[in-house]
Amino acid sequence: MVVEVEGSLDEHGMVIDFTDIKRIITLLTKQWDHATLVHEEDTELLDVLLRAGWKHFVLPYDSTAENVARFAADFFCAEAADALRSRGLSTVRVTVHETETCYAVYTRAVETSPLAA
């Protein structure tokens, strides 16, 4: 997964510190690591996963690369909302690779005010 942000440079010549991006997205990737991503309506698979005690993560939609990128972008924007707004960032883009040459990209605007969500 690749996370990109767009915005203006600050006084130090940075849009955002990469450490901040990594810290925020790691909150999600730790939950996904070695987990089955499952749609919340796939009750049969959820039942199997729960009975077996296997690690899983429930998504509100199918786990296509496009939806995984969308979920990650939305998660990043929600978790980093204040930091993104305070730095004046305008866009978050997440790329999820299925293979080296097949990938999905999801781009979304950063909400400009806390009430815009």
Protein backbone atom coordinates (compact mmCIF):
# COMPACT_ATOMS: atom_id res chain seq x y z
CA MET A 1 0.00 0.00 0.00
CA VAL A 2 1.23 3.48 -0.89
CA VAL A 3 -0.15 6.58 0.84
CA GLU A 4 0.38 9.98 -0.75
CA VAL A 5 -0.71 13.45 0.34
CA GLU A 6 -0.87 16.75 -1.51
CA GLY A 7 -0.51 20.19 -0.02
CA SER A 8 1.77 23.17 0.33
CA LEU A 9 5.25 23.04 1.82
CA ASP A 10 5.66 24.27 5.38
CA GLU A 11 8.53 26.39 6.70
CA HIS A 12 10.72 23.27 6.83
CA GLY A 13 10.01 22.32 3.22
CA MET A 14 7.71 19.41 4.07
CA VAL A 15 4.08 18.68 3.27
CA ILE A 16 3.87 16.19 6.16
CA ASP A 17 6.47 14.17 8.03
CA PHE A 18 6.64 10.61 6.69
CA THR A 19 6.79 9.41 10.30
CA ASP A 20 3.29 10.79 10.83
CA ILE A 21 1.95 8.96 7.78
CA LYS A 22 3.54 5.71 8.89
CA ARG A 23 2.30 6.04 12.48
CA ILE A 24 -1.29 6.58 11.34
CA ILE A 25 -1.44 3.94 8.61
CA THR A 26 0.27 1.39 10.88
CA LEU A 27 -2.79 1.54 13.14
CA LEU A 28 -4.69 -0.03 10.25
CA THR A 29 -2.06 -2.33 8.79
CA LYS A 30 -1.47 -3.96 12.18
CA GLN A 31 -5.14 -4.94 12.20
CA TRP A 32 -4.91 -6.25 8.64
CA ASP A 33 -1.60 -8.12 8.98
CA HIS A 34 -2.27 -11.86 8.57
CA ALA A 35 -6.03 -11.23 8.69
CA THR A 36 -8.80 -12.18 6.31
CA LEU A 37 -10.62 -9.10 5.05
CA VAL A 38 -14.30 -9.95 4.94
CA HIS A 39 -17.44 -8.10 3.90
CA GLU A 40 -19.77 -7.50 6.85
CA GLU A 41 -22.63 -9.16 4.95
CA ASP A 42 -20.69 -12.37 4.26
CA THR A 43 -22.21 -14.13 7.24
CA GLU A 44 -21.09 -17.61 6.17
CA LEU A 45 -17.43 -16.64 6.03
CA LEU A 46 -17.70 -14.60 9.22
CA ASP A 47 -19.18 -17.61 10.98
CA VAL A 48 -16.30 -19.83 9.83
CA LEU A 49 -13.70 -17.27 10.89
CA LEU A 50 -15.28 -16.75 14.28
CA ARG A 51 -15.69 -20.47 15.00
CA ALA A 52 -12.09 -21.13 13.96
CA GLY A 53 -10.80 -18.17 15.93
CA TRP A 54 -8.96 -16.81 12.92
CA LYS A 55 -7.89 -13.23 12.71
CA HIS A 56 -10.13 -11.19 10.46
CA PHE A 57 -11.13 -7.61 9.75
CA VAL A 58 -14.68 -6.70 8.80
CA LEU A 59 -15.19 -4.25 5.94
CA PRO A 60 -18.45 -2.53 5.00
CA TYR A 61 -18.02 -3.78 1.41
CA ASP A 62 -16.22 -6.46 -0.63
CA SER A 63 -12.44 -6.56 -0.24
CA THR A 64 -11.52 -5.53 -3.78
CA ALA A 65 -8.31 -3.57 -4.21
CA GLU A 66 -10.41 -0.50 -4.99
CA ASN A 67 -12.43 -0.83 -1.80
CA VAL A 68 -9.36 -1.58 0.32
CA ALA A 69 -7.74 1.61 -1.04
CA ARG A 70 -10.93 3.55 -0.31
CA PHE A 71 -11.15 2.19 3.24
CA ALA A 72 -7.50 3.02 3.91
CA ALA A 73 -7.87 6.57 2.55
CA ASP A 74 -10.99 7.17 4.61
CA PHE A 75 -9.34 5.69 7.71
CA PHE A 76 -6.24 7.85 7.21
CA CYS A 77 -8.32 11.01 6.78
CA ALA A 78 -10.40 10.22 9.87
CA GLU A 79 -7.41 9.36 12.09
CA ALA A 80 -5.32 12.30 10.91
CA ALA A 81 -8.12 14.83 10.38
CA ASP A 82 -6.77 17.55 12.66
CA ALA A 83 -3.19 17.18 11.42
CA LEU A 84 -4.26 17.19 7.77
CA ARG A 85 -6.39 20.30 8.23
CA SER A 86 -3.77 22.16 10.29
CA ARG A 87 -1.16 21.54 7.59
CA GLY A 88 -3.56 22.60 4.84
CA LEU A 89 -3.36 19.29 3.00
CA SER A 90 -5.81 18.99 0.14
CA THR A 91 -5.70 15.41 -1.09
CA VAL A 92 -4.97 11.88 0.11
CA ARG A 93 -4.28 9.12 -2.42
CA VAL A 94 -3.92 5.43 -1.59
CA THR A 95 -2.63 2.80 -3.99
CA VAL A 96 -3.17 -0.91 -3.32
CA HIS A 97 -1.30 -3.44 -5.45
CA GLU A 98 -2.75 -6.83 -6.29
CA THR A 99 0.38 -7.73 -8.27
CA GLU A 100 3.41 -5.76 -9.45
CA THR A 101 1.48 -4.47 -12.45
CA CYS A 102 -2.14 -4.52 -11.25
CA TYR A 103 -3.26 -1.95 -8.73
CA ALA A 104 -6.09 0.33 -7.71
CA VAL A 105 -5.81 3.99 -6.77
CA TYR A 106 -8.32 5.86 -4.63
CA THR A 107 -8.08 9.64 -4.25
CA ARG A 108 -10.13 11.77 -1.91
CA ALA A 109 -10.19 15.35 -0.77
CA VAL A 110 -9.28 16.25 2.78
CA GLU A 111 -12.25 17.74 4.61
CA THR A 112 -11.62 21.43 5.23
CA SER A 113 -13.58 21.67 8.47
CA PRO A 114 -14.51 19.28 11.26
CA LEU A 115 -18.20 19.69 10.40
CA ALA A 116 -17.75 18.81 6.69
CA ALA A 117 -17.71 15.05 7.37
